[in-house]
PDB file of N, CA and C in Angstrom:
ATOM      1  N   MET A   1     114.799 103.559  57.156  1.00  0.00           N
ATOM      2  CA  MET A   1     114.640 103.129  58.549  1.00  0.00           C
ATOM      3  C   MET A   1     115.112 101.676  58.685  1.00  0.00           C
ATOM      4  N   ALA A   2     115.828 101.389  59.704  1.00  0.00           N
ATOM      5  CA  ALA A   2     116.363 100.048  59.924  1.00  0.00           C
ATOM      6  C   ALA A   2     115.269  99.099  60.386  1.00  0.00           C
ATOM      7  N   LYS A   3     115.417  97.845  59.993  1.00  0.00           N
ATOM      8  CA  LYS A   3     114.471  96.827  60.441  1.00  0.00           C
ATOM      9  C   LYS A   3     114.836  96.424  61.866  1.00  0.00           C
ATOM     10  N   LEU A   4     113.868  96.444  62.749  1.00  0.00           N
ATOM     11  CA  LEU A   4     114.128  96.157  64.157  1.00  0.00           C
ATOM     12  C   LEU A   4     113.700  94.749  64.565  1.00  0.00           C
ATOM     13  N   TYR A   5     113.476  93.900  63.588  1.00  0.00           N
ATOM     14  CA  TYR A   5     113.069  92.545  63.920  1.00  0.00           C
ATOM     15  C   TYR A   5     114.026  91.556  63.274  1.00  0.00           C
ATOM     16  N   SER A   6     114.110  90.377  63.835  1.00  0.00           N
ATOM     17  CA  SER A   6     115.013  89.367  63.296  1.00  0.00           C
ATOM     18  C   SER A   6     114.319  88.600  62.179  1.00  0.00           C
ATOM     19  N   LYS A   7     115.109  87.972  61.347  1.00  0.00           N
ATOM     20  CA  LYS A   7     114.553  87.223  60.224  1.00  0.00           C
ATOM     21  C   LYS A   7     113.967  85.895  60.674  1.00  0.00           C
ATOM     22  N   GLN A   8     114.560  85.287  61.673  1.00  0.00           N
ATOM     23  CA  GLN A   8     114.088  83.999  62.156  1.00  0.00           C
ATOM     24  C   GLN A   8     113.236  84.207  63.396  1.00  0.00           C
ATOM     25  N   PRO A   9     112.035  83.625  63.419  1.00  0.00           N
ATOM     26  CA  PRO A   9     111.210  83.758  64.630  1.00  0.00           C
ATOM     27  C   PRO A   9     111.838  82.990  65.791  1.00  0.00           C
ATOM     28  N   LYS A  10     111.662  83.528  66.977  1.00  0.00           N
ATOM     29  CA  LYS A  10     112.211  82.866  68.162  1.00  0.00           C
ATOM     30  C   LYS A  10     111.402  81.618  68.484  1.00  0.00           C
ATOM     31  N   LYS A  11     112.082  80.630  69.001  1.00  0.00           N
ATOM     32  CA  LYS A  11     111.435  79.365  69.333  1.00  0.00           C
ATOM     33  C   LYS A  11     110.623  79.502  70.606  1.00  0.00           C
ATOM     34  N   ASN A  12     109.543  78.764  70.669  1.00  0.00           N
ATOM     35  CA  ASN A  12     108.747  78.710  71.896  1.00  0.00           C
ATOM     36  C   ASN A  12     109.435  77.776  72.875  1.00  0.00           C
ATOM     37  N   ILE A  13     109.736  78.279  74.050  1.00  0.00           N
ATOM     38  CA  ILE A  13     110.391  77.465  75.068  1.00  0.00           C
ATOM     39  C   ILE A  13     109.381  77.233  76.191  1.00  0.00           C
ATOM     40  N   ASN A  14     109.085  75.988  76.435  1.00  0.00           N
ATOM     41  CA  ASN A  14     108.172  75.644  77.521  1.00  0.00           C
ATOM     42  C   ASN A  14     108.966  75.488  78.811  1.00  0.00           C
ATOM     43  N   LEU A  15     108.670  76.325  79.780  1.00  0.00           N
ATOM     44  CA  LEU A  15     109.361  76.265  81.057  1.00  0.00           C
ATOM     45  C   LEU A  15     108.498  75.490  82.046  1.00  0.00           C
ATOM     46  N   ASN A  16     109.073  74.508  82.653  1.00  0.00           N
ATOM     47  CA  ASN A  16     108.360  73.695  83.626  1.00  0.00           C
ATOM     48  C   ASN A  16     109.091  73.771  84.961  1.00  0.00           C
ATOM     49  N   PRO A  17     108.710  74.727  85.824  1.00  0.00           N
ATOM     50  CA  PRO A  17     109.385  74.839  87.115  1.00  0.00           C
ATOM     51  C   PRO A  17     109.016  73.680  88.039  1.00  0.00           C
ATOM     52  N   LYS A  18     109.904  73.409  88.970  1.00  0.00           N
ATOM     53  CA  LYS A  18     109.657  72.356  89.952  1.00  0.00           C
ATOM     54  C   LYS A  18     108.553  72.795  90.907  1.00  0.00           C
ATOM     55  N   ASP A  19     107.896  71.841  91.513  1.00  0.00           N
ATOM     56  CA  ASP A  19     106.850  72.145  92.492  1.00  0.00           C
ATOM     57  C   ASP A  19     107.427  72.911  93.680  1.00  0.00           C
ATOM     58  N   GLU A  20     108.682  72.613  94.042  1.00  0.00           N
ATOM     59  CA  GLU A  20     109.330  73.310  95.155  1.00  0.00           C
ATOM     60  C   GLU A  20     109.471  74.799  94.860  1.00  0.00           C
ATOM     61  N   THR A  21     109.799  75.124  93.616  1.00  0.00           N
ATOM     62  CA  THR A  21     109.972  76.521  93.223  1.00  0.00           C
ATOM     63  C   THR A  21     108.657  77.271  93.303  1.00  0.00           C
ATOM     64  N   ILE A  22     107.610  76.662  92.803  1.00  0.00           N
ATOM     65  CA  ILE A  22     106.290  77.295  92.847  1.00  0.00           C
ATOM     66  C   ILE A  22     105.838  77.486  94.285  1.00  0.00           C
ATOM     67  N   SER A  23     106.056  76.482  95.113  1.00  0.00           N
ATOM     68  CA  SER A  23     105.679  76.567  96.523  1.00  0.00           C
ATOM     69  C   SER A  23     106.442  77.687  97.226  1.00  0.00           C
ATOM     70  N   PHE A  24     107.745  77.806  96.951  1.00  0.00           N
ATOM     71  CA  PHE A  24     108.561  78.850  97.562  1.00  0.00           C
ATOM     72  C   PHE A  24     108.051  80.237  97.190  1.00  0.00           C
ATOM     73  N   ILE A  25     107.774  80.442  95.922  1.00  0.00           N
ATOM     74  CA  ILE A  25     107.313  81.752  95.456  1.00  0.00           C
ATOM     75  C   ILE A  25     105.946  82.090  96.044  1.00  0.00           C
ATOM     76  N   LEU A  26     105.048  81.134  96.095  1.00  0.00           N
ATOM     77  CA  LEU A  26     103.726  81.386  96.677  1.00  0.00           C
ATOM     78  C   LEU A  26     103.817  81.706  98.160  1.00  0.00           C
ATOM     79  N   ASN A  27     104.634  80.971  98.893  1.00  0.00           N
ATOM     80  CA  ASN A  27     104.789  81.234 100.324  1.00  0.00           C
ATOM     81  C   ASN A  27     105.444  82.587 100.577  1.00  0.00           C
ATOM     82  N   TYR A  28     106.397  82.951  99.741  1.00  0.00           N
ATOM     83  CA  TYR A  28     107.060  84.245  99.876  1.00  0.00           C
ATOM     84  C   TYR A  28     106.061  85.371  99.639  1.00  0.00           C
ATOM     85  N   SER A  29     105.241  85.224  98.601  1.00  0.00           N
ATOM     86  CA  SER A  29     104.276  86.283  98.294  1.00  0.00           C
ATOM     87  C   SER A  29     103.202  86.396  99.375  1.00  0.00           C
ATOM     88  N   LYS A  30     102.866  85.289 100.020  1.00  0.00           N
ATOM     89  CA  LYS A  30     101.891  85.341 101.113  1.00  0.00           C
ATOM     90  C   LYS A  30     102.476  86.047 102.334  1.00  0.00           C
ATOM     91  N   ALA A  31     103.777  85.879 102.561  1.00  0.00           N
ATOM     92  CA  ALA A  31     104.417  86.455 103.740  1.00  0.00           C
ATOM     93  C   ALA A  31     104.821  87.909 103.539  1.00  0.00           C
ATOM     94  N   LEU A  32     104.884  88.362 102.294  1.00  0.00           N
ATOM     95  CA  LEU A  32     105.329  89.719 102.005  1.00  0.00           C
ATOM     96  C   LEU A  32     104.202  90.718 102.270  1.00  0.00           C
ATOM     97  N   SER A  33     104.544  91.756 102.982  1.00  0.00           N
ATOM     98  CA  SER A  33     103.585  92.815 103.276  1.00  0.00           C
ATOM     99  C   SER A  33     104.198  94.152 102.894  1.00  0.00           C
ATOM    100  N   VAL A  34     103.467  94.924 102.087  1.00  0.00           N
ATOM    101  CA  VAL A  34     103.937  96.238 101.663  1.00  0.00           C
ATOM    102  C   VAL A  34     103.116  97.285 102.399  1.00  0.00           C
ATOM    103  N   ILE A  35     103.804  98.167 103.115  1.00  0.00           N
ATOM    104  CA  ILE A  35     103.146  99.203 103.915  1.00  0.00           C
ATOM    105  C   ILE A  35     103.422 100.552 103.271  1.00  0.00           C
ATOM    106  N   ASN A  36     102.358 101.267 102.940  1.00  0.00           N
ATOM    107  CA  ASN A  36     102.494 102.609 102.380  1.00  0.00           C
ATOM    108  C   ASN A  36     102.324 103.626 103.503  1.00  0.00           C
ATOM    109  N   TYR A  37     103.320 104.478 103.658  1.00  0.00           N
ATOM    110  CA  TYR A  37     103.271 105.532 104.668  1.00  0.00           C
ATOM    111  C   TYR A  37     103.679 106.826 103.996  1.00  0.00           C
ATOM    112  N   LYS A  38     102.729 107.713 103.871  1.00  0.00           N
ATOM    113  CA  LYS A  38     102.924 108.973 103.151  1.00  0.00           C
ATOM    114  C   LYS A  38     103.417 108.650 101.744  1.00  0.00           C
ATOM    115  N   GLU A  39     104.599 109.053 101.363  1.00  0.00           N
ATOM    116  CA  GLU A  39     105.095 108.769 100.021  1.00  0.00           C
ATOM    117  C   GLU A  39     106.165 107.681 100.019  1.00  0.00           C
ATOM    118  N   MET A  40     106.238 106.905 101.101  1.00  0.00           N
ATOM    119  CA  MET A  40     107.245 105.857 101.198  1.00  0.00           C
ATOM    120  C   MET A  40     106.576 104.499 101.221  1.00  0.00           C
ATOM    121  N   LYS A  41     107.313 103.488 100.755  1.00  0.00           N
ATOM    122  CA  LYS A  41     106.845 102.113 100.778  1.00  0.00           C
ATOM    123  C   LYS A  41     107.830 101.282 101.591  1.00  0.00           C
ATOM    124  N   PHE A  42     107.295 100.484 102.502  1.00  0.00           N
ATOM    125  CA  PHE A  42     108.109  99.582 103.306  1.00  0.00           C
ATOM    126  C   PHE A  42     107.688  98.164 103.012  1.00  0.00           C
ATOM    127  N   GLU A  43     108.659  97.281 102.819  1.00  0.00           N
ATOM    128  CA  GLU A  43     108.395  95.882 102.591  1.00  0.00           C
ATOM    129  C   GLU A  43     108.798  95.102 103.838  1.00  0.00           C
ATOM    130  N   ALA A  44     107.910  94.236 104.299  1.00  0.00           N
ATOM    131  CA  ALA A  44     108.201  93.438 105.494  1.00  0.00           C
ATOM    132  C   ALA A  44     107.806  91.997 105.247  1.00  0.00           C
ATOM    133  N   LEU A  45     108.668  91.081 105.681  1.00  0.00           N
ATOM    134  CA  LEU A  45     108.339  89.658 105.618  1.00  0.00           C
ATOM    135  C   LEU A  45     107.737  89.251 106.950  1.00  0.00           C
ATOM    136  N   GLN A  46     106.613  88.599 106.916  1.00  0.00           N
ATOM    137  CA  GLN A  46     105.860  88.265 108.118  1.00  0.00           C
ATOM    138  C   GLN A  46     106.243  86.901 108.699  1.00  0.00           C
ATOM    139  N   ASN A  47     107.348  86.308 108.245  1.00  0.00           N
ATOM    140  CA  ASN A  47     107.764  85.005 108.784  1.00  0.00           C
ATOM    141  C   ASN A  47     108.842  85.171 109.812  1.00  0.00           C
TER     142      ASN A  47
END
């Protein structure tokens, strides 16, 4: 059986997003509304 892992462990990368990015994502998620109707899903932005 083949080895499915690499010999060198991957480095830990610390991601530090900008405050603007976090604010955008939070506001988008607050405005997003998912409506379930029978077996369909509708996505609507409330802005």
